[in-house]
Every structure is written in C-alpha cells, then in structure tokens.
N, C-alpha and C. Protein backbone atom coordinates (compact mmCIF):
# COMPACT_ATOMS: atom_id res chain seq x y z
N MET A 1 0.83 -1.23 0.03
CA MET A 1 0.09 -0.07 0.08
C MET A 1 0.90 1.24 -0.01
N GLN A 2 0.34 2.23 -0.79
CA GLN A 2 1.27 3.44 -0.79
C GLN A 2 0.80 4.32 0.44
N ALA A 3 1.98 4.99 1.00
CA ALA A 3 1.70 5.83 1.94
C ALA A 3 1.29 7.28 1.47
N VAL A 4 0.31 7.91 2.08
CA VAL A 4 -0.24 9.20 1.69
C VAL A 4 0.17 10.05 2.76
N HIS A 5 0.94 11.28 2.31
CA HIS A 5 1.33 12.22 3.30
C HIS A 5 0.20 13.31 3.44
N MET A 6 -0.12 13.75 4.42
CA MET A 6 -1.15 14.94 4.53
C MET A 6 -0.63 16.15 5.03
N VAL A 7 -0.91 17.24 4.49
CA VAL A 7 -0.48 18.60 4.90
C VAL A 7 -1.79 19.22 5.44
N TYR A 8 -1.68 19.78 6.73
CA TYR A 8 -2.75 20.41 7.33
C TYR A 8 -2.63 21.90 7.16
N LEU A 9 -3.82 22.45 6.66
CA LEU A 9 -3.73 23.94 6.40
C LEU A 9 -4.50 24.67 7.51
N ALA A 10 -4.40 26.04 7.59
CA ALA A 10 -4.98 26.70 8.70
C ALA A 10 -6.53 26.60 8.74
N ALA A 11 -7.11 26.23 7.61
CA ALA A 11 -8.59 26.21 7.53
C ALA A 11 -9.10 24.89 7.77
N ALA A 12 -8.21 24.00 8.41
CA ALA A 12 -8.60 22.70 8.78
C ALA A 12 -8.94 21.82 7.71
N THR A 13 -8.39 22.02 6.47
CA THR A 13 -8.55 21.16 5.36
C THR A 13 -7.15 20.28 5.03
N THR A 14 -7.41 19.22 4.48
CA THR A 14 -6.25 18.40 4.19
C THR A 14 -6.05 18.36 2.75
N VAL A 15 -4.78 18.45 2.36
CA VAL A 15 -4.46 18.31 0.98
C VAL A 15 -3.14 17.47 0.99
N THR A 16 -3.40 16.36 -0.05
CA THR A 16 -2.47 15.40 -0.11
C THR A 16 -1.30 15.87 -0.99
N THR A 17 -0.19 15.08 -0.82
CA THR A 17 1.08 15.53 -1.45
C THR A 17 0.72 15.37 -2.98
N GLN A 18 -0.03 14.53 -3.36
CA GLN A 18 -0.31 14.41 -4.94
C GLN A 18 -1.04 15.61 -5.36
N ASP A 19 -2.19 16.20 -4.64
CA ASP A 19 -2.74 17.41 -4.97
C ASP A 19 -1.76 18.59 -5.01
N ALA A 20 -0.88 18.55 -4.04
CA ALA A 20 0.06 19.73 -4.06
C ALA A 20 0.99 19.81 -5.23
N ILE A 21 1.63 18.59 -5.60
CA ILE A 21 2.30 18.51 -6.82
C ILE A 21 1.54 18.75 -7.95
N SER A 22 0.23 18.33 -8.07
CA SER A 22 -0.53 18.59 -9.17
C SER A 22 -0.76 20.16 -9.40
N LEU A 23 -0.95 20.76 -8.30
CA LEU A 23 -1.06 22.22 -8.29
C LEU A 23 0.07 23.04 -8.89
N ILE A 24 1.27 22.48 -8.29
CA ILE A 24 2.47 23.14 -8.77
C ILE A 24 2.70 22.79 -10.21
N GLY A 25 2.45 21.62 -10.72
CA GLY A 25 2.50 21.18 -12.03
C GLY A 25 1.60 22.05 -12.99
N LYS A 26 0.47 22.40 -12.56
CA LYS A 26 -0.47 23.27 -13.34
C LYS A 26 0.03 24.67 -13.37
N GLY A 27 0.57 25.07 -12.29
CA GLY A 27 1.15 26.49 -12.22
C GLY A 27 2.41 26.59 -13.34
N LEU A 28 3.18 25.64 -13.41
CA LEU A 28 4.28 25.54 -14.30
C LEU A 28 3.82 25.45 -15.67
N MET A 29 2.77 24.57 -15.92
CA MET A 29 2.21 24.49 -17.36
C MET A 29 1.67 25.72 -17.81
N ILE A 30 0.94 26.33 -17.03
CA ILE A 30 0.33 27.62 -17.48
C ILE A 30 1.39 28.83 -17.68
N GLY A 31 2.25 28.83 -16.73
CA GLY A 31 3.41 29.73 -16.93
C GLY A 31 4.28 29.53 -18.07
N GLY A 32 4.61 28.35 -18.27
CA GLY A 32 5.47 28.07 -19.60
C GLY A 32 4.58 28.19 -20.81
N GLY A 33 3.29 28.02 -20.70
CA GLY A 33 2.42 28.13 -21.86
C GLY A 33 2.13 29.60 -22.31
N PHE A 34 2.39 30.45 -21.33
CA PHE A 34 2.14 32.01 -21.46
C PHE A 34 3.41 32.58 -21.97
N ILE A 35 4.67 31.91 -21.70
CA ILE A 35 5.85 32.65 -22.15
C ILE A 35 6.00 32.69 -23.54
N GLY A 36 5.61 31.68 -24.35
CA GLY A 36 5.97 31.74 -25.83
C GLY A 36 4.88 32.71 -26.44
N PRO A 37 3.61 32.66 -26.21
CA PRO A 37 2.73 33.75 -26.67
C PRO A 37 3.26 35.23 -26.39
N GLY A 38 3.67 35.34 -25.18
CA GLY A 38 4.04 36.81 -24.79
C GLY A 38 5.23 37.18 -25.66
N ILE A 39 6.25 36.27 -25.71
CA ILE A 39 7.30 36.66 -26.75
C ILE A 39 7.00 36.80 -28.06
N GLY A 40 6.10 35.98 -28.53
CA GLY A 40 5.57 36.16 -29.91
C GLY A 40 4.87 37.46 -30.17
N ILE A 41 3.96 37.87 -29.30
CA ILE A 41 3.26 39.03 -29.41
C ILE A 41 4.21 40.34 -29.45
N GLY A 42 5.26 40.32 -28.45
CA GLY A 42 6.10 41.27 -28.44
C GLY A 42 6.94 41.46 -29.59
N LEU A 43 7.31 40.47 -30.13
CA LEU A 43 8.11 40.47 -31.56
C LEU A 43 7.07 40.99 -32.64
N ILE A 44 5.92 40.63 -32.80
CA ILE A 44 5.09 41.09 -33.95
C ILE A 44 4.93 42.56 -33.48
N GLY A 45 4.65 43.00 -32.37
CA GLY A 45 4.43 44.43 -32.12
C GLY A 45 5.74 45.18 -32.32
N GLY A 46 6.64 44.79 -31.84
CA GLY A 46 8.06 45.42 -32.15
C GLY A 46 8.43 45.69 -33.61
N ASN A 47 8.21 44.53 -34.30
CA ASN A 47 8.45 44.57 -35.79
C ASN A 47 7.59 45.47 -36.54
N TYR A 48 6.18 45.33 -36.19
CA TYR A 48 5.17 46.36 -36.86
C TYR A 48 5.59 47.81 -36.58
N LEU A 49 5.93 48.08 -35.32
CA LEU A 49 6.32 49.43 -35.13
C LEU A 49 7.63 49.99 -35.92
N SER A 50 8.50 48.98 -35.88
CA SER A 50 9.76 49.17 -36.57
C SER A 50 9.52 49.52 -38.08
N ALA A 51 8.70 48.69 -38.58
CA ALA A 51 8.20 48.87 -40.14
C ALA A 51 7.49 50.28 -40.42
N VAL A 52 6.54 50.44 -39.39
CA VAL A 52 5.95 51.81 -39.62
C VAL A 52 6.91 53.01 -39.55
N GLY A 53 7.75 52.82 -38.65
CA GLY A 53 8.73 53.96 -38.38
C GLY A 53 9.65 54.08 -39.64
N ARG A 54 10.05 53.04 -40.27
CA ARG A 54 10.79 53.18 -41.59
C ARG A 54 9.86 53.51 -42.66
N ASN A 55 8.68 53.09 -42.73
CA ASN A 55 7.82 53.32 -43.92
C ASN A 55 6.35 53.54 -43.34
N PRO A 56 5.92 54.82 -43.20
CA PRO A 56 4.61 55.23 -42.66
C PRO A 56 3.44 54.58 -43.36
N GLU A 57 3.66 54.18 -44.62
CA GLU A 57 2.54 53.63 -45.39
C GLU A 57 2.34 52.08 -44.98
N ALA A 58 3.17 51.62 -44.24
CA ALA A 58 3.04 50.23 -43.75
C ALA A 58 2.04 50.27 -42.64
N ALA A 59 1.49 51.38 -42.17
CA ALA A 59 0.46 51.43 -41.09
C ALA A 59 -0.73 50.70 -41.61
N LYS A 60 -0.94 50.76 -42.83
CA LYS A 60 -2.21 49.99 -43.37
C LYS A 60 -2.34 48.49 -43.16
N PHE A 61 -1.15 47.82 -42.59
CA PHE A 61 -1.08 46.43 -42.27
C PHE A 61 -1.40 46.07 -40.86
N LEU A 62 -1.95 47.08 -40.16
CA LEU A 62 -2.29 46.65 -38.72
C LEU A 62 -3.27 45.61 -38.53
N GLY A 63 -4.17 45.63 -39.43
CA GLY A 63 -5.15 44.60 -39.36
C GLY A 63 -4.62 43.07 -39.55
N GLN A 64 -3.59 42.95 -40.48
CA GLN A 64 -2.85 41.71 -40.59
C GLN A 64 -2.14 41.42 -39.43
N ALA A 65 -1.56 42.32 -38.87
CA ALA A 65 -0.74 42.06 -37.56
C ALA A 65 -1.66 41.68 -36.45
N LEU A 66 -2.84 42.24 -36.32
CA LEU A 66 -3.68 41.90 -35.26
C LEU A 66 -4.23 40.43 -35.46
N VAL A 67 -4.42 39.93 -36.67
CA VAL A 67 -4.77 38.65 -36.93
C VAL A 67 -3.62 37.70 -36.53
N PHE A 68 -2.37 38.14 -36.86
CA PHE A 68 -1.30 37.19 -36.19
C PHE A 68 -1.32 37.19 -34.76
N VAL A 69 -1.59 38.33 -34.12
CA VAL A 69 -1.66 38.39 -32.63
C VAL A 69 -2.63 37.40 -32.14
N ALA A 70 -3.93 37.53 -32.64
CA ALA A 70 -4.94 36.47 -32.29
C ALA A 70 -4.57 35.03 -32.47
N ILE A 71 -3.80 34.67 -33.59
CA ILE A 71 -3.49 33.34 -33.88
C ILE A 71 -2.55 33.03 -32.78
N ILE A 72 -1.54 33.80 -32.30
CA ILE A 72 -0.68 33.46 -31.23
C ILE A 72 -1.33 33.47 -29.92
N GLU A 73 -2.21 34.31 -29.66
CA GLU A 73 -3.17 34.37 -28.54
C GLU A 73 -3.76 33.06 -28.19
N LEU A 74 -4.20 32.40 -29.37
CA LEU A 74 -4.87 31.03 -29.20
C LEU A 74 -4.04 30.11 -28.47
N PHE A 75 -2.75 30.05 -28.67
CA PHE A 75 -1.98 29.12 -27.99
C PHE A 75 -1.99 29.22 -26.37
N ALA A 76 -2.05 30.61 -25.99
CA ALA A 76 -2.13 31.01 -24.50
C ALA A 76 -3.42 30.47 -24.05
N LEU A 77 -4.54 30.74 -24.88
CA LEU A 77 -5.83 30.22 -24.44
C LEU A 77 -5.94 28.70 -24.24
N LEU A 78 -5.07 27.92 -25.11
CA LEU A 78 -5.11 26.49 -25.06
C LEU A 78 -4.43 26.15 -23.83
N ALA A 79 -3.24 26.78 -23.44
CA ALA A 79 -2.47 26.47 -22.25
C ALA A 79 -3.35 26.74 -20.98
N PHE A 80 -4.18 27.69 -21.09
CA PHE A 80 -5.06 28.08 -19.90
C PHE A 80 -6.18 26.97 -19.74
N ALA A 81 -6.73 26.60 -20.91
CA ALA A 81 -7.86 25.62 -20.93
C ALA A 81 -7.28 24.19 -20.59
N SER A 82 -5.99 23.98 -20.79
CA SER A 82 -5.41 22.58 -20.46
C SER A 82 -5.38 22.36 -18.95
N ILE A 83 -5.30 23.38 -18.22
CA ILE A 83 -5.21 23.20 -16.75
C ILE A 83 -6.52 22.58 -16.10
N PHE A 84 -7.66 22.82 -16.90
CA PHE A 84 -8.87 22.25 -16.48
C PHE A 84 -8.99 20.76 -16.92
N ILE A 85 -8.14 20.46 -17.93
CA ILE A 85 -8.34 19.11 -18.62
C ILE A 85 -7.39 18.18 -17.77
N VAL A 86 -6.24 18.57 -17.39
CA VAL A 86 -5.23 17.80 -16.75
C VAL A 86 -5.61 17.62 -15.24
N LYS A 87 -5.51 16.39 -14.85
CA LYS A 87 -5.92 16.14 -13.43
C LYS A 87 -4.67 16.22 -12.52
C-alpha cells in the first residue's frame, strides 16, 4: 500500500502530496504556456512599429498584424484551458 502524506492547512482542510504536486505542475504548465505567446506578441508588435517607423505607409497592415496576434493568443488560451483538463 502506498503511504499518503497529509498537509494540514490553517482552514482545517487536508491536502495530499499528490494534490500539491498537481497544483505546482499546473502552475508551471500555464506559466510556460504563456511565455511563448508573450514573446511572440512582443516580436510582432516591435517589428510592426519598426516597419511603420521606416515606412509610414506600412500602417495599413495593422489588421494583418492583429490577426497574427490573435493566432498566437490562441496558444495561450489553449494553455489556460489545459489546466482544467489535466488532473
């Protein structure tokens, strides 16, 4: 039989070690899942502003840049939704 370690919180509830490790894993998963989209959106925004600074007529491509931002943001939403799927 496997030993289950219990952690007692101030609210008199018990949390098993497995629950604590699961919570830490979910936090790491969502944190890692948000790093990539954050970098991607920053790169798109920076490069868009650089292009507009060099060529002001490039400002008409804002709609396309926002479509790319939305596609990248989808991966962040998938990372967020995955914490509800993983047990």
